[in-house]
């Protein structure tokens, strides 16, 4: 699971909660970093992406829409929850 969150406390809470449920996490500090991680990942590497909407450098919505591959993957595999 890829988690993008710029707030340290929120990331700690997400990490604790998701790891407790058995998820493996890849963390990004902003949308730009999340976009690069997702763009360079294998096709089925992430079962889900959790992205904060308001982040520096690139917000979560912009990161989600940025790449054709990301858009296709999001449409096929993920739901966008706001």
PDB file of N, CA and C in Angstrom:
ATOM      1  N   UNK A   1       0.844  -1.157   0.000  1.00  0.00           N
ATOM      2  CA  UNK A   1       0.000   0.000   0.000  1.00  0.00           C
ATOM      3  C   UNK A   1       0.897   1.231   0.000  1.00  0.00           C
ATOM      4  N   UNK A   2       0.557   2.185  -0.838  1.00  0.00           N
ATOM      5  CA  UNK A   2       1.286   3.450  -0.889  1.00  0.00           C
ATOM      6  C   UNK A   2       0.493   4.492  -0.111  1.00  0.00           C
ATOM      7  N   UNK A   3       1.149   5.148   0.826  1.00  0.00           N
ATOM      8  CA  UNK A   3       0.503   6.185   1.633  1.00  0.00           C
ATOM      9  C   UNK A   3       1.261   7.494   1.439  1.00  0.00           C
ATOM     10  N   UNK A   4       0.541   8.532   1.003  1.00  0.00           N
ATOM     11  CA  UNK A   4       1.129   9.861   0.821  1.00  0.00           C
ATOM     12  C   UNK A   4       0.506  10.812   1.833  1.00  0.00           C
ATOM     13  N   UNK A   5       1.341  11.343   2.700  1.00  0.00           N
ATOM     14  CA  UNK A   5       0.869  12.228   3.775  1.00  0.00           C
ATOM     15  C   UNK A   5       2.016  13.122   4.200  1.00  0.00           C
ATOM     16  N   UNK A   6       1.787  14.438   4.226  1.00  0.00           N
ATOM     17  CA  UNK A   6       2.842  15.373   4.594  1.00  0.00           C
ATOM     18  C   UNK A   6       2.904  15.654   6.092  1.00  0.00           C
ATOM     19  N   UNK A   7       1.838  15.360   6.812  1.00  0.00           N
ATOM     20  CA  UNK A   7       1.799  15.609   8.246  1.00  0.00           C
ATOM     21  C   UNK A   7       2.386  14.402   8.980  1.00  0.00           C
ATOM     22  N   UNK A   8       3.429  14.629   9.747  1.00  0.00           N
ATOM     23  CA  UNK A   8       4.157  13.551  10.417  1.00  0.00           C
ATOM     24  C   UNK A   8       3.250  12.749  11.358  1.00  0.00           C
ATOM     25  N   UNK A   9       2.454  13.430  12.154  1.00  0.00           N
ATOM     26  CA  UNK A   9       1.567  12.735  13.093  1.00  0.00           C
ATOM     27  C   UNK A   9       0.543  11.883  12.348  1.00  0.00           C
ATOM     28  N   UNK A  10      -0.058  12.431  11.296  1.00  0.00           N
ATOM     29  CA  UNK A  10      -1.029  11.662  10.511  1.00  0.00           C
ATOM     30  C   UNK A  10      -0.380  10.434   9.874  1.00  0.00           C
ATOM     31  N   UNK A  11       0.858  10.585   9.409  1.00  0.00           N
ATOM     32  CA  UNK A  11       1.562   9.448   8.815  1.00  0.00           C
ATOM     33  C   UNK A  11       1.818   8.379   9.872  1.00  0.00           C
ATOM     34  N   UNK A  12       2.223   8.788  11.077  1.00  0.00           N
ATOM     35  CA  UNK A  12       2.459   7.826  12.157  1.00  0.00           C
ATOM     36  C   UNK A  12       1.183   7.060  12.504  1.00  0.00           C
ATOM     37  N   UNK A  13       0.065   7.761  12.547  1.00  0.00           N
ATOM     38  CA  UNK A  13      -1.215   7.117  12.855  1.00  0.00           C
ATOM     39  C   UNK A  13      -1.589   6.132  11.747  1.00  0.00           C
ATOM     40  N   UNK A  14      -1.463   6.566  10.493  1.00  0.00           N
ATOM     41  CA  UNK A  14      -1.774   5.685   9.361  1.00  0.00           C
ATOM     42  C   UNK A  14      -0.868   4.465   9.367  1.00  0.00           C
ATOM     43  N   UNK A  15       0.415   4.687   9.594  1.00  0.00           N
ATOM     44  CA  UNK A  15       1.377   3.589   9.601  1.00  0.00           C
ATOM     45  C   UNK A  15       1.050   2.587  10.712  1.00  0.00           C
ATOM     46  N   UNK A  16       0.809   3.079  11.905  1.00  0.00           N
ATOM     47  CA  UNK A  16       0.480   2.208  13.028  1.00  0.00           C
ATOM     48  C   UNK A  16      -0.781   1.398  12.741  1.00  0.00           C
ATOM     49  N   UNK A  17      -1.818   2.082  12.294  1.00  0.00           N
ATOM     50  CA  UNK A  17      -3.107   1.420  12.058  1.00  0.00           C
ATOM     51  C   UNK A  17      -3.024   0.391  10.937  1.00  0.00           C
ATOM     52  N   UNK A  18      -2.382   0.745   9.841  1.00  0.00           N
ATOM     53  CA  UNK A  18      -2.324  -0.150   8.685  1.00  0.00           C
ATOM     54  C   UNK A  18      -1.392  -1.337   8.926  1.00  0.00           C
ATOM     55  N   UNK A  19      -0.262  -1.087   9.579  1.00  0.00           N
ATOM     56  CA  UNK A  19       0.643  -2.207   9.888  1.00  0.00           C
ATOM     57  C   UNK A  19       0.005  -3.169  10.874  1.00  0.00           C
ATOM     58  N   UNK A  20      -0.764  -2.638  11.802  1.00  0.00           N
ATOM     59  CA  UNK A  20      -1.462  -3.483  12.773  1.00  0.00           C
ATOM     60  C   UNK A  20      -2.442  -4.427  12.060  1.00  0.00           C
ATOM     61  N   UNK A  21      -2.968  -3.985  10.929  1.00  0.00           N
ATOM     62  CA  UNK A  21      -3.891  -4.801  10.132  1.00  0.00           C
ATOM     63  C   UNK A  21      -3.162  -5.705   9.135  1.00  0.00           C
ATOM     64  N   UNK A  22      -1.816  -5.628   9.133  1.00  0.00           N
ATOM     65  CA  UNK A  22      -1.027  -6.524   8.300  1.00  0.00           C
ATOM     66  C   UNK A  22      -0.583  -5.975   6.953  1.00  0.00           C
ATOM     67  N   UNK A  23      -0.790  -4.689   6.704  1.00  0.00           N
ATOM     68  CA  UNK A  23      -0.379  -4.096   5.440  1.00  0.00           C
ATOM     69  C   UNK A  23       1.106  -3.740   5.447  1.00  0.00           C
ATOM     70  N   UNK A  24       1.752  -3.897   4.307  1.00  0.00           N
ATOM     71  CA  UNK A  24       3.108  -3.399   4.091  1.00  0.00           C
ATOM     72  C   UNK A  24       2.972  -2.032   3.457  1.00  0.00           C
ATOM     73  N   UNK A  25       3.758  -1.068   3.941  1.00  0.00           N
ATOM     74  CA  UNK A  25       3.602   0.310   3.468  1.00  0.00           C
ATOM     75  C   UNK A  25       4.836   0.821   2.749  1.00  0.00           C
ATOM     76  N   UNK A  26       4.574   1.631   1.760  1.00  0.00           N
ATOM     77  CA  UNK A  26       5.580   2.497   1.141  1.00  0.00           C
ATOM     78  C   UNK A  26       5.074   3.896   1.422  1.00  0.00           C
ATOM     79  N   UNK A  27       5.935   4.756   1.976  1.00  0.00           N
ATOM     80  CA  UNK A  27       5.500   6.091   2.393  1.00  0.00           C
ATOM     81  C   UNK A  27       6.056   7.160   1.467  1.00  0.00           C
ATOM     82  N   UNK A  28       5.224   8.181   1.229  1.00  0.00           N
ATOM     83  CA  UNK A  28       5.628   9.360   0.468  1.00  0.00           C
ATOM     84  C   UNK A  28       5.247  10.587   1.285  1.00  0.00           C
ATOM     85  N   UNK A  29       6.103  11.605   1.228  1.00  0.00           N
ATOM     86  CA  UNK A  29       5.865  12.817   2.011  1.00  0.00           C
ATOM     87  C   UNK A  29       5.042  13.870   1.279  1.00  0.00           C
ATOM     88  N   UNK A  30       4.821  13.676  -0.020  1.00  0.00           N
ATOM     89  CA  UNK A  30       4.016  14.621  -0.791  1.00  0.00           C
ATOM     90  C   UNK A  30       3.541  13.942  -2.074  1.00  0.00           C
ATOM     91  N   UNK A  31       2.681  14.621  -2.817  1.00  0.00           N
ATOM     92  CA  UNK A  31       2.126  14.039  -4.030  1.00  0.00           C
ATOM     93  C   UNK A  31       3.150  13.775  -5.106  1.00  0.00           C
ATOM     94  N   UNK A  32       4.140  14.653  -5.221  1.00  0.00           N
ATOM     95  CA  UNK A  32       5.185  14.467  -6.232  1.00  0.00           C
ATOM     96  C   UNK A  32       5.969  13.182  -5.955  1.00  0.00           C
ATOM     97  N   UNK A  33       6.328  12.970  -4.706  1.00  0.00           N
ATOM     98  CA  UNK A  33       7.053  11.756  -4.319  1.00  0.00           C
ATOM     99  C   UNK A  33       6.177  10.513  -4.543  1.00  0.00           C
ATOM    100  N   UNK A  34       4.897  10.607  -4.190  1.00  0.00           N
ATOM    101  CA  UNK A  34       3.982   9.481  -4.396  1.00  0.00           C
ATOM    102  C   UNK A  34       3.842   9.162  -5.880  1.00  0.00           C
ATOM    103  N   UNK A  35       3.733  10.199  -6.706  1.00  0.00           N
ATOM    104  CA  UNK A  35       3.619  10.001  -8.141  1.00  0.00           C
ATOM    105  C   UNK A  35       4.851   9.276  -8.682  1.00  0.00           C
ATOM    106  N   UNK A  36       6.035   9.703  -8.262  1.00  0.00           N
ATOM    107  CA  UNK A  36       7.271   9.066  -8.735  1.00  0.00           C
ATOM    108  C   UNK A  36       7.366   7.607  -8.279  1.00  0.00           C
ATOM    109  N   UNK A  37       6.989   7.348  -7.043  1.00  0.00           N
ATOM    110  CA  UNK A  37       7.018   5.978  -6.533  1.00  0.00           C
ATOM    111  C   UNK A  37       6.054   5.110  -7.338  1.00  0.00           C
ATOM    112  N   UNK A  38       4.833   5.603  -7.545  1.00  0.00           N
ATOM    113  CA  UNK A  38       3.836   4.824  -8.275  1.00  0.00           C
ATOM    114  C   UNK A  38       4.248   4.638  -9.733  1.00  0.00           C
ATOM    115  N   UNK A  39       4.759   5.686 -10.348  1.00  0.00           N
ATOM    116  CA  UNK A  39       5.176   5.627 -11.755  1.00  0.00           C
ATOM    117  C   UNK A  39       6.270   4.583 -11.961  1.00  0.00           C
ATOM    118  N   UNK A  40       7.169   4.457 -10.997  1.00  0.00           N
ATOM    119  CA  UNK A  40       8.299   3.528 -11.107  1.00  0.00           C
ATOM    120  C   UNK A  40       8.017   2.152 -10.509  1.00  0.00           C
ATOM    121  N   UNK A  41       6.798   1.923 -10.066  1.00  0.00           N
ATOM    122  CA  UNK A  41       6.464   0.639  -9.443  1.00  0.00           C
ATOM    123  C   UNK A  41       6.062  -0.394 -10.498  1.00  0.00           C
ATOM    124  N   UNK A  42       6.095  -1.657 -10.074  1.00  0.00           N
ATOM    125  CA  UNK A  42       5.583  -2.726 -10.925  1.00  0.00           C
ATOM    126  C   UNK A  42       4.065  -2.584 -11.002  1.00  0.00           C
ATOM    127  N   UNK A  43       3.488  -3.169 -12.041  1.00  0.00           N
ATOM    128  CA  UNK A  43       2.059  -2.976 -12.294  1.00  0.00           C
ATOM    129  C   UNK A  43       1.169  -3.346 -11.107  1.00  0.00           C
ATOM    130  N   UNK A  44       1.439  -4.436 -10.430  1.00  0.00           N
ATOM    131  CA  UNK A  44       0.597  -4.879  -9.313  1.00  0.00           C
ATOM    132  C   UNK A  44       1.283  -4.730  -7.956  1.00  0.00           C
ATOM    133  N   UNK A  45       2.211  -3.791  -7.849  1.00  0.00           N
ATOM    134  CA  UNK A  45       2.972  -3.647  -6.608  1.00  0.00           C
ATOM    135  C   UNK A  45       2.119  -3.143  -5.441  1.00  0.00           C
ATOM    136  N   UNK A  46       1.161  -2.269  -5.724  1.00  0.00           N
ATOM    137  CA  UNK A  46       0.354  -1.681  -4.657  1.00  0.00           C
ATOM    138  C   UNK A  46      -1.088  -2.156  -4.751  1.00  0.00           C
ATOM    139  N   UNK A  47      -1.626  -2.597  -3.621  1.00  0.00           N
ATOM    140  CA  UNK A  47      -3.024  -3.009  -3.578  1.00  0.00           C
ATOM    141  C   UNK A  47      -3.937  -1.801  -3.395  1.00  0.00           C
ATOM    142  N   UNK A  48      -3.373  -0.705  -2.891  1.00  0.00           N
ATOM    143  CA  UNK A  48      -4.146   0.522  -2.673  1.00  0.00           C
ATOM    144  C   UNK A  48      -3.190   1.696  -2.557  1.00  0.00           C
ATOM    145  N   UNK A  49      -3.733   2.881  -2.810  1.00  0.00           N
ATOM    146  CA  UNK A  49      -2.989   4.133  -2.625  1.00  0.00           C
ATOM    147  C   UNK A  49      -3.861   5.041  -1.772  1.00  0.00           C
ATOM    148  N   UNK A  50      -3.302   5.504  -0.665  1.00  0.00           N
ATOM    149  CA  UNK A  50      -3.988   6.472   0.193  1.00  0.00           C
ATOM    150  C   UNK A  50      -3.227   7.784   0.051  1.00  0.00           C
ATOM    151  N   UNK A  51      -3.945   8.820  -0.376  1.00  0.00           N
ATOM    152  CA  UNK A  51      -3.272  10.072  -0.677  1.00  0.00           C
ATOM    153  C   UNK A  51      -4.009  11.247  -0.046  1.00  0.00           C
ATOM    154  N   UNK A  52      -3.280  12.034   0.712  1.00  0.00           N
ATOM    155  CA  UNK A  52      -3.801  13.282   1.265  1.00  0.00           C
ATOM    156  C   UNK A  52      -4.122  14.210   0.087  1.00  0.00           C
ATOM    157  N   UNK A  53      -5.169  14.978   0.207  1.00  0.00           N
ATOM    158  CA  UNK A  53      -5.537  15.870  -0.897  1.00  0.00           C
ATOM    159  C   UNK A  53      -4.721  17.166  -0.857  1.00  0.00           C
ATOM    160  N   UNK A  54      -4.421  17.671   0.322  1.00  0.00           N
ATOM    161  CA  UNK A  54      -3.690  18.938   0.436  1.00  0.00           C
ATOM    162  C   UNK A  54      -2.267  18.666   0.919  1.00  0.00           C
ATOM    163  N   UNK A  55      -1.306  18.731  -0.035  1.00  0.00           N
ATOM    164  CA  UNK A  55       0.104  18.520   0.292  1.00  0.00           C
ATOM    165  C   UNK A  55       0.953  19.514  -0.482  1.00  0.00           C
ATOM    166  N   UNK A  56       2.160  19.796   0.013  1.00  0.00           N
ATOM    167  CA  UNK A  56       3.057  20.689  -0.721  1.00  0.00           C
ATOM    168  C   UNK A  56       3.601  20.015  -1.979  1.00  0.00           C
ATOM    169  N   UNK A  57       4.134  20.800  -2.876  1.00  0.00           N
ATOM    170  CA  UNK A  57       4.753  20.381  -4.139  1.00  0.00           C
ATOM    171  C   UNK A  57       3.737  19.881  -5.152  1.00  0.00           C
ATOM    172  N   UNK A  58       2.895  18.932  -4.775  1.00  0.00           N
ATOM    173  CA  UNK A  58       1.846  18.428  -5.643  1.00  0.00           C
ATOM    174  C   UNK A  58       0.781  17.813  -4.744  1.00  0.00           C
ATOM    175  N   UNK A  59      -0.480  18.246  -4.907  1.00  0.00           N
ATOM    176  CA  UNK A  59      -1.520  17.673  -4.051  1.00  0.00           C
ATOM    177  C   UNK A  59      -1.936  16.294  -4.556  1.00  0.00           C
ATOM    178  N   UNK A  60      -2.691  15.592  -3.757  1.00  0.00           N
ATOM    179  CA  UNK A  60      -3.072  14.228  -4.071  1.00  0.00           C
ATOM    180  C   UNK A  60      -3.897  14.089  -5.338  1.00  0.00           C
ATOM    181  N   UNK A  61      -4.795  15.042  -5.586  1.00  0.00           N
ATOM    182  CA  UNK A  61      -5.610  14.973  -6.796  1.00  0.00           C
ATOM    183  C   UNK A  61      -4.756  15.156  -8.045  1.00  0.00           C
ATOM    184  N   UNK A  62      -3.851  16.109  -8.012  1.00  0.00           N
ATOM    185  CA  UNK A  62      -2.968  16.341  -9.151  1.00  0.00           C
ATOM    186  C   UNK A  62      -2.076  15.123  -9.398  1.00  0.00           C
ATOM    187  N   UNK A  63      -1.550  14.535  -8.337  1.00  0.00           N
ATOM    188  CA  UNK A  63      -0.696  13.354  -8.475  1.00  0.00           C
ATOM    189  C   UNK A  63      -1.473  12.189  -9.077  1.00  0.00           C
ATOM    190  N   UNK A  64      -2.727  12.039  -8.687  1.00  0.00           N
ATOM    191  CA  UNK A  64      -3.563  10.953  -9.191  1.00  0.00           C
ATOM    192  C   UNK A  64      -3.839  11.111 -10.682  1.00  0.00           C
ATOM    193  N   UNK A  65      -4.024  12.352 -11.114  1.00  0.00           N
ATOM    194  CA  UNK A  65      -4.379  12.619 -12.512  1.00  0.00           C
ATOM    195  C   UNK A  65      -3.185  12.755 -13.440  1.00  0.00           C
ATOM    196  N   UNK A  66      -1.991  12.896 -12.901  1.00  0.00           N
ATOM    197  CA  UNK A  66      -0.816  13.295 -13.673  1.00  0.00           C
ATOM    198  C   UNK A  66      -0.398  12.321 -14.773  1.00  0.00           C
ATOM    199  N   UNK A  67      -0.403  11.052 -14.502  1.00  0.00           N
ATOM    200  CA  UNK A  67       0.139  10.085 -15.448  1.00  0.00           C
ATOM    201  C   UNK A  67      -0.946   9.260 -16.100  1.00  0.00           C
ATOM    202  N   UNK A  68      -0.798   8.987 -17.375  1.00  0.00           N
ATOM    203  CA  UNK A  68      -1.729   8.114 -18.071  1.00  0.00           C
ATOM    204  C   UNK A  68      -1.763   6.743 -17.436  1.00  0.00           C
ATOM    205  N   UNK A  69      -0.599   6.186 -17.120  1.00  0.00           N
ATOM    206  CA  UNK A  69      -0.534   4.876 -16.473  1.00  0.00           C
ATOM    207  C   UNK A  69      -1.228   4.916 -15.122  1.00  0.00           C
ATOM    208  N   UNK A  70      -1.016   5.991 -14.388  1.00  0.00           N
ATOM    209  CA  UNK A  70      -1.659   6.111 -13.082  1.00  0.00           C
ATOM    210  C   UNK A  70      -3.172   6.199 -13.243  1.00  0.00           C
ATOM    211  N   UNK A  71      -3.635   6.998 -14.201  1.00  0.00           N
ATOM    212  CA  UNK A  71      -5.077   7.122 -14.426  1.00  0.00           C
ATOM    213  C   UNK A  71      -5.683   5.778 -14.795  1.00  0.00           C
ATOM    214  N   UNK A  72      -5.019   5.064 -15.710  1.00  0.00           N
ATOM    215  CA  UNK A  72      -5.529   3.751 -16.117  1.00  0.00           C
ATOM    216  C   UNK A  72      -5.575   2.796 -14.935  1.00  0.00           C
ATOM    217  N   UNK A  73      -4.521   2.760 -14.149  1.00  0.00           N
ATOM    218  CA  UNK A  73      -4.480   1.869 -12.986  1.00  0.00           C
ATOM    219  C   UNK A  73      -5.552   2.260 -11.983  1.00  0.00           C
ATOM    220  N   UNK A  74      -5.697   3.554 -11.763  1.00  0.00           N
ATOM    221  CA  UNK A  74      -6.694   4.016 -10.806  1.00  0.00           C
ATOM    222  C   UNK A  74      -8.099   3.624 -11.269  1.00  0.00           C
ATOM    223  N   UNK A  75      -8.375   3.781 -12.566  1.00  0.00           N
ATOM    224  CA  UNK A  75      -9.700   3.450 -13.081  1.00  0.00           C
ATOM    225  C   UNK A  75      -9.964   1.956 -13.006  1.00  0.00           C
ATOM    226  N   UNK A  76      -8.961   1.144 -13.274  1.00  0.00           N
ATOM    227  CA  UNK A  76      -9.137  -0.309 -13.279  1.00  0.00           C
ATOM    228  C   UNK A  76      -9.183  -0.890 -11.874  1.00  0.00           C
ATOM    229  N   UNK A  77      -8.328  -0.396 -11.005  1.00  0.00           N
ATOM    230  CA  UNK A  77      -8.087  -1.097  -9.751  1.00  0.00           C
ATOM    231  C   UNK A  77      -8.550  -0.346  -8.507  1.00  0.00           C
ATOM    232  N   UNK A  78      -8.481   0.961  -8.542  1.00  0.00           N
ATOM    233  CA  UNK A  78      -8.738   1.731  -7.326  1.00  0.00           C
ATOM    234  C   UNK A  78      -9.952   2.616  -7.474  1.00  0.00           C
ATOM    235  N   UNK A  79     -10.548   2.929  -6.356  1.00  0.00           N
ATOM    236  CA  UNK A  79     -11.586   3.947  -6.309  1.00  0.00           C
ATOM    237  C   UNK A  79     -10.961   5.189  -5.727  1.00  0.00           C
ATOM    238  N   UNK A  80     -11.386   6.332  -6.230  1.00  0.00           N
ATOM    239  CA  UNK A  80     -10.907   7.596  -5.675  1.00  0.00           C
ATOM    240  C   UNK A  80     -11.894   8.021  -4.602  1.00  0.00           C
ATOM    241  N   UNK A  81     -11.439   8.046  -3.370  1.00  0.00           N
ATOM    242  CA  UNK A  81     -12.270   8.453  -2.241  1.00  0.00           C
ATOM    243  C   UNK A  81     -11.829   9.829  -1.791  1.00  0.00           C
ATOM    244  N   UNK A  82     -12.767  10.737  -1.644  1.00  0.00           N
ATOM    245  CA  UNK A  82     -12.413  12.090  -1.234  1.00  0.00           C
ATOM    246  C   UNK A  82     -12.991  12.401   0.123  1.00  0.00           C
TER     247      UNK A  82
END
